[in-house]
Protein backbone atom coordinates (compact mmCIF):
# COMPACT_ATOMS: atom_id res chain seq x y z
CA MET A 1 21.71 -34.17 40.81
CA THR A 2 19.63 -33.78 37.66
CA ALA A 3 21.29 -33.68 34.28
CA LEU A 4 20.85 -30.64 32.10
CA PRO A 5 18.67 -31.22 29.02
CA SER A 6 20.50 -31.73 25.78
CA ARG A 7 20.44 -29.12 23.04
CA ARG A 8 18.13 -31.30 20.93
CA GLN A 9 15.64 -31.70 23.79
CA ALA A 10 15.68 -27.96 24.54
CA ARG A 11 15.10 -27.18 20.91
CA ARG A 12 12.32 -29.76 20.69
CA HIS A 13 10.35 -28.19 23.53
CA VAL A 14 10.85 -24.53 22.65
CA LEU A 15 7.53 -24.42 20.79
CA PRO A 16 5.23 -27.32 21.73
CA GLY A 17 3.01 -28.56 18.97
CA LEU A 18 5.16 -27.19 16.16
CA PRO A 19 4.25 -29.87 13.58
CA LEU A 20 0.54 -29.36 14.21
CA THR A 21 0.66 -25.56 14.12
CA LEU A 22 2.91 -25.63 11.06
CA GLY A 23 0.47 -27.94 9.34
CA TYR A 24 -2.47 -25.66 10.10
CA ALA A 25 -0.51 -22.60 8.92
CA THR A 26 0.50 -24.32 5.69
CA LEU A 27 -3.06 -25.52 5.05
CA TYR A 28 -4.50 -22.05 5.72
CA LEU A 29 -1.89 -20.38 3.50
CA SER A 30 -2.56 -22.89 0.73
CA LEU A 31 -6.35 -22.43 0.83
CA ILE A 32 -6.24 -18.63 1.02
CA VAL A 33 -3.19 -17.77 -1.13
CA LEU A 34 -1.39 -20.57 -2.93
CA ILE A 35 -4.31 -22.47 -4.46
CA PRO A 36 -6.11 -19.36 -5.82
CA LEU A 37 -2.83 -18.04 -7.26
CA ALA A 38 -2.10 -21.42 -8.83
CA ALA A 39 -5.58 -21.51 -10.37
CA LEU A 40 -5.05 -17.98 -11.72
CA ILE A 41 -1.72 -18.88 -13.30
CA LEU A 42 -3.09 -22.12 -14.76
CA LYS A 43 -6.02 -20.26 -16.31
CA ALA A 44 -3.68 -17.72 -17.89
CA ALA A 45 -1.45 -20.58 -19.09
CA THR A 46 -4.29 -21.91 -21.28
CA LEU A 47 -3.49 -19.07 -23.68
CA GLY A 48 0.01 -20.38 -24.30
CA PRO A 49 3.15 -18.21 -24.26
CA GLU A 50 2.30 -16.30 -27.44
CA GLY A 51 -1.33 -15.84 -26.48
CA PHE A 52 -0.34 -14.63 -23.02
CA LEU A 53 2.07 -12.06 -24.44
CA ASP A 54 -0.54 -10.93 -26.94
CA ALA A 55 -3.10 -10.54 -24.15
CA VAL A 56 -0.90 -8.43 -21.86
CA THR A 57 0.85 -6.31 -24.50
CA THR A 58 -2.15 -4.82 -26.25
CA PRO A 59 -2.14 -1.01 -26.13
CA ARG A 60 -5.24 -0.91 -23.92
CA VAL A 61 -3.82 -3.34 -21.35
CA LEU A 62 -0.45 -1.54 -21.24
CA ALA A 63 -2.22 1.79 -20.79
CA ALA A 64 -4.34 0.38 -17.94
CA LEU A 65 -1.29 -1.11 -16.21
CA ARG A 66 0.56 2.16 -16.59
CA VAL A 67 -2.31 4.14 -15.06
CA SER A 68 -2.69 1.65 -12.18
CA PHE A 69 0.94 1.53 -11.13
CA PHE A 70 1.88 5.15 -11.72
CA THR A 71 -1.13 6.53 -9.86
CA ALA A 72 -0.60 4.09 -6.98
CA LEU A 73 3.09 5.01 -6.87
CA ALA A 74 2.29 8.74 -6.91
CA ALA A 75 -0.33 8.39 -4.16
CA SER A 76 2.04 6.34 -1.98
CA LEU A 77 4.83 8.89 -2.41
CA ILE A 78 2.44 11.69 -1.46
CA ASN A 79 1.36 9.75 1.63
CA VAL A 80 4.93 9.44 2.93
CA PRO A 81 5.43 13.12 3.93
CA ILE A 82 1.76 13.61 4.83
CA GLY A 83 1.75 10.48 6.98
CA LEU A 84 4.99 11.56 8.64
CA ILE A 85 3.56 14.97 9.54
CA ILE A 86 0.36 13.45 10.93
CA ALA A 87 2.17 10.74 12.91
CA TRP A 88 4.64 13.31 14.25
CA THR A 89 1.81 15.61 15.34
CA LEU A 90 -0.14 12.84 17.05
CA THR A 91 2.87 11.49 18.96
CA ARG A 92 4.79 14.66 19.83
CA TYR A 93 2.06 17.24 20.51
CA ARG A 94 -1.10 17.37 22.60
CA VAL A 95 -3.36 19.03 20.06
CA PRO A 96 -7.10 19.62 20.68
CA GLY A 97 -9.18 16.78 19.30
CA ARG A 98 -6.21 14.45 19.17
CA ARG A 99 -8.29 11.35 19.83
CA LEU A 100 -10.80 12.31 17.15
CA ILE A 101 -8.03 12.85 14.60
CA ASP A 102 -6.45 9.54 15.59
CA ALA A 103 -9.80 7.80 15.07
CA LEU A 104 -10.36 9.48 11.70
CA ILE A 105 -7.05 8.08 10.45
CA ASP A 106 -8.64 4.62 10.47
CA LEU A 107 -11.72 5.77 8.57
CA PRO A 108 -10.54 4.29 5.23
CA PHE A 109 -10.23 0.92 7.01
CA ALA A 110 -13.85 0.96 8.18
CA LEU A 111 -15.47 2.84 5.29
CA PRO A 112 -16.47 0.74 2.26
CA THR A 113 -14.32 1.82 -0.66
CA ALA A 114 -17.38 2.26 -2.88
CA VAL A 115 -18.77 4.78 -0.38
CA ALA A 116 -15.44 6.59 -0.42
CA GLY A 117 -15.54 6.69 -4.21
CA ILE A 118 -19.08 8.06 -4.30
CA THR A 119 -18.23 10.70 -1.69
CA LEU A 120 -15.07 11.85 -3.45
CA THR A 121 -16.84 11.93 -6.81
CA THR A 122 -19.68 14.01 -5.34
CA LEU A 123 -17.18 16.48 -3.93
CA LEU A 124 -14.76 16.64 -6.85
CA ALA A 125 -17.05 16.29 -9.89
CA PRO A 126 -17.23 19.34 -12.18
CA ASN A 127 -20.55 20.27 -10.52
CA GLY A 128 -19.50 19.20 -7.01
CA TRP A 129 -18.89 21.35 -3.95
CA LEU A 130 -15.13 21.40 -4.46
CA GLY A 131 -15.01 20.37 -8.08
CA ALA A 132 -17.03 23.33 -9.38
CA PRO A 133 -14.68 26.08 -8.12
CA LEU A 134 -11.67 24.01 -9.15
CA ALA A 135 -13.15 23.55 -12.63
CA GLU A 136 -13.71 27.30 -12.91
CA ALA A 137 -10.04 27.76 -12.03
CA GLY A 138 -9.11 25.36 -14.83
CA LEU A 139 -8.34 22.32 -12.66
CA ARG A 140 -10.45 19.23 -13.25
CA VAL A 141 -10.06 16.47 -10.69
CA ALA A 142 -12.78 13.83 -11.12
CA TYR A 143 -12.55 11.54 -14.15
CA THR A 144 -8.83 12.31 -14.54
CA PRO A 145 -5.64 10.63 -13.27
CA LEU A 146 -5.51 13.38 -10.62
CA GLY A 147 -8.82 12.17 -9.21
CA ILE A 148 -7.49 8.61 -9.08
CA ILE A 149 -4.44 9.82 -7.14
CA VAL A 150 -6.66 11.71 -4.69
CA ALA A 151 -8.76 8.61 -4.02
CA LEU A 152 -5.72 6.35 -3.65
CA THR A 153 -4.11 8.86 -1.28
CA PHE A 154 -7.19 8.65 0.91
CA ILE A 155 -7.11 4.84 0.84
CA GLY A 156 -3.38 4.46 1.55
CA LEU A 157 -2.78 7.16 4.18
CA PRO A 158 -3.55 5.00 7.28
CA PHE A 159 -0.84 2.49 6.36
CA VAL A 160 1.89 5.13 6.51
CA VAL A 161 0.62 6.74 9.71
CA ARG A 162 0.18 3.46 11.57
CA SER A 163 3.64 2.28 10.49
CA LEU A 164 5.28 5.43 11.84
CA GLN A 165 3.38 5.97 15.09
CA PRO A 166 4.86 3.10 17.16
CA VAL A 167 8.38 3.91 15.96
CA LEU A 168 8.02 7.56 16.94
CA GLU A 169 6.61 6.57 20.33
CA ASP A 170 9.50 4.17 20.99
CA LEU A 171 12.08 6.65 19.71
CA GLY A 172 11.27 9.24 22.35
CA PRO A 173 12.75 12.72 22.67
CA GLU A 174 16.12 11.62 24.13
CA PRO A 175 18.10 11.46 20.83
CA GLU A 176 16.81 14.91 19.87
CA GLU A 177 17.67 16.34 23.28
CA ALA A 178 21.16 14.89 23.01
CA ALA A 179 21.60 16.46 19.58
CA HIS A 180 20.38 19.82 20.86
CA SER A 181 22.81 19.65 23.78
CA LEU A 182 25.65 19.16 21.27
CA GLY A 183 24.65 22.32 19.42
CA ALA A 184 22.58 20.91 16.55
CA THR A 185 19.78 23.03 15.16
CA PRO A 186 16.22 21.63 14.98
CA THR A 187 16.62 21.16 11.21
CA GLN A 188 19.92 19.32 11.60
CA THR A 189 18.45 17.18 14.36
CA PHE A 190 15.50 16.15 12.21
CA TRP A 191 17.50 15.33 9.07
CA ARG A 192 20.49 13.67 10.72
CA VAL A 193 19.07 12.07 13.88
CA THR A 194 15.32 11.54 13.69
CA LEU A 195 14.70 10.87 10.00
CA PRO A 196 17.39 8.16 9.56
CA ALA A 197 15.78 6.22 12.42
CA LEU A 198 12.43 6.42 10.61
CA TYR A 199 13.63 5.19 7.20
CA PRO A 200 12.61 1.51 7.70
CA ALA A 201 9.16 2.51 9.01
CA LEU A 202 8.69 5.00 6.18
CA LEU A 203 9.60 2.38 3.60
CA SER A 204 7.32 -0.16 5.29
CA GLY A 205 4.40 2.27 5.24
CA PHE A 206 5.10 3.15 1.62
CA THR A 207 5.20 -0.53 0.67
CA LEU A 208 1.94 -1.30 2.46
CA ALA A 209 0.21 1.70 0.88
CA LEU A 210 1.47 0.75 -2.58
CA ALA A 211 0.38 -2.87 -2.18
CA ARG A 212 -3.07 -1.74 -1.03
CA THR A 213 -3.69 0.92 -3.66
CA VAL A 214 -2.34 -0.80 -6.76
CA GLY A 215 -5.26 -3.22 -6.80
CA GLU A 216 -7.94 -0.79 -5.57
CA TYR A 217 -11.27 -1.21 -7.32
CA GLY A 218 -14.24 0.01 -5.26
CA SER A 219 -13.40 3.71 -5.05
CA MET A 220 -12.12 3.78 -8.65
CA VAL A 221 -15.39 2.73 -10.27
CA PHE A 222 -16.88 6.18 -9.83
CA ILE A 223 -14.08 8.74 -9.72
CA SER A 224 -11.93 7.36 -12.55
CA GLY A 225 -14.55 7.57 -15.26
CA ASN A 226 -13.13 4.35 -16.76
CA LEU A 227 -11.97 6.02 -19.98
CA PRO A 228 -9.77 3.63 -22.03
CA PHE A 229 -6.19 4.87 -22.54
CA LYS A 230 -6.83 7.73 -20.09
CA THR A 231 -8.30 6.74 -16.73
CA GLU A 232 -9.01 3.04 -17.08
CA ILE A 233 -7.15 1.07 -14.41
CA ALA A 234 -6.20 -2.59 -14.63
CA PRO A 235 -8.72 -3.90 -12.05
CA LEU A 236 -11.56 -2.26 -14.01
CA LEU A 237 -10.21 -3.77 -17.22
CA ILE A 238 -10.12 -7.21 -15.57
CA VAL A 239 -13.75 -6.85 -14.47
CA GLY A 240 -14.68 -5.79 -17.99
CA LYS A 241 -13.06 -8.90 -19.44
CA LEU A 242 -14.87 -11.08 -16.92
CA GLU A 243 -18.19 -9.53 -17.91
CA GLN A 244 -17.35 -10.42 -21.52
CA TYR A 245 -16.56 -14.02 -20.44
CA ASP A 246 -12.91 -13.59 -21.42
CA TYR A 247 -11.69 -15.44 -18.36
CA ALA A 248 -8.28 -16.34 -19.78
CA GLY A 249 -7.64 -12.74 -20.83
CA ALA A 250 -8.66 -11.46 -17.41
CA ALA A 251 -6.36 -14.01 -15.76
CA ALA A 252 -3.49 -12.93 -18.01
CA VAL A 253 -3.85 -9.27 -16.99
CA ALA A 254 -4.11 -10.33 -13.34
CA VAL A 255 -0.93 -12.39 -13.64
CA ALA A 256 0.87 -9.41 -15.20
CA MET A 257 -0.21 -7.26 -12.24
CA LEU A 258 0.89 -10.00 -9.85
CA VAL A 259 4.37 -10.25 -11.37
CA ILE A 260 4.91 -6.48 -11.31
CA SER A 261 3.57 -6.18 -7.75
CA VAL A 262 5.77 -9.00 -6.45
CA ALA A 263 8.83 -7.44 -8.10
CA LEU A 264 8.09 -4.07 -6.48
CA LEU A 265 7.48 -5.65 -3.07
CA LEU A 266 10.71 -7.66 -3.27
CA ALA A 267 12.65 -4.52 -4.15
CA ALA A 268 11.05 -2.58 -1.29
CA ASN A 269 11.61 -5.39 1.23
CA THR A 270 15.26 -5.71 0.15
CA ALA A 271 15.78 -1.98 0.62
CA GLN A 272 14.05 -2.10 4.01
CA ALA A 273 16.25 -4.97 5.18
CA ARG A 274 19.38 -3.08 4.15
CA LEU A 275 18.22 0.05 5.97
CA SER A 276 17.47 -1.99 9.09
CA ARG A 277 20.93 -3.59 9.05
CA ARG A 278 22.54 -0.20 8.50
CA GLY A 279 20.58 1.20 11.46
CA GLU A 280 21.73 -1.66 13.72
CA ARG A 281 25.34 -0.89 12.91
C-alpha cells in the first residue's frame, strides 16, 4: 500500500522547473522593463530635486502633459460605448460582412501608426476630402485637439472591442431570456442584467486603450500640428528635447508621464478588482 505524497511534495511538483522558469521570467522582465526604467529614472535624477521640478513644471511641459492625458482620456471614454456597440453587434447578430468587419477591427494593430496619421491628416486637413466640407461648416479637425482625439480613438478602439467580445460570447443569451421571462423590458434587461456583467471588461478595455494612447507618437506627428501650448503632446516634446541633446530634460518629462500613467493604471486596476469581487458575490 503506497503512502500518499505529503503536502510539501505535492506542492513541489505542481509546476516542474519553477526556479528555472522564474529565473528566465525575472531576467526577461529586468532586461525589457526594469533596467530601462531604472536608467530613465537615474538620468532624470542627475537634475536633482529642484532641477527635476523645474523641468516638469514649466508652462510648456504642463501644457503638453495636459494635452496628452486629456485627449487620451477623452478618446478612451469615446471608445467605451463605440466598442460596446461593435462587440455587441459582432457577437449577437449575423450581419453581412461580419468577418470583414471583425478583421478591420484589428487594422490599427497591423497598420503602422505613421501611416494612420498620414491617412487621417489627408482626410481631415482643411483641404482634405472630409476636412474641406467640415471647415466650410466651421469645424476644423486636423491640427486641433479634436484631430488628436480622432486619431487616438482609431488607435484605441480594438482594445475595447477585443476585451468585450469574449465576455459577451461567454455570457450568452440565457440571463437576458430569464429577465424577459420575468417581465423585464429590453432596456431594463440591458441596464440591470447585461451591463453589470460587462463592467470589468469595459474597465479593462478602457484601461488598455488609455495605456496605449497616452504615449502615442507615430500618428500624432502629422495630425497634431505640434503647436506649443495648443496641440503639442508630451511624446513630441520629449523627442524635441532629445533632438536638442537635452537628455536629462527629456528623461524628466518621461518620468512625469510614467508616474501619472502608473497612478491611473493602479486606480483602474483597483476599481476593476472591486467590480470583479462584487460580481462574484
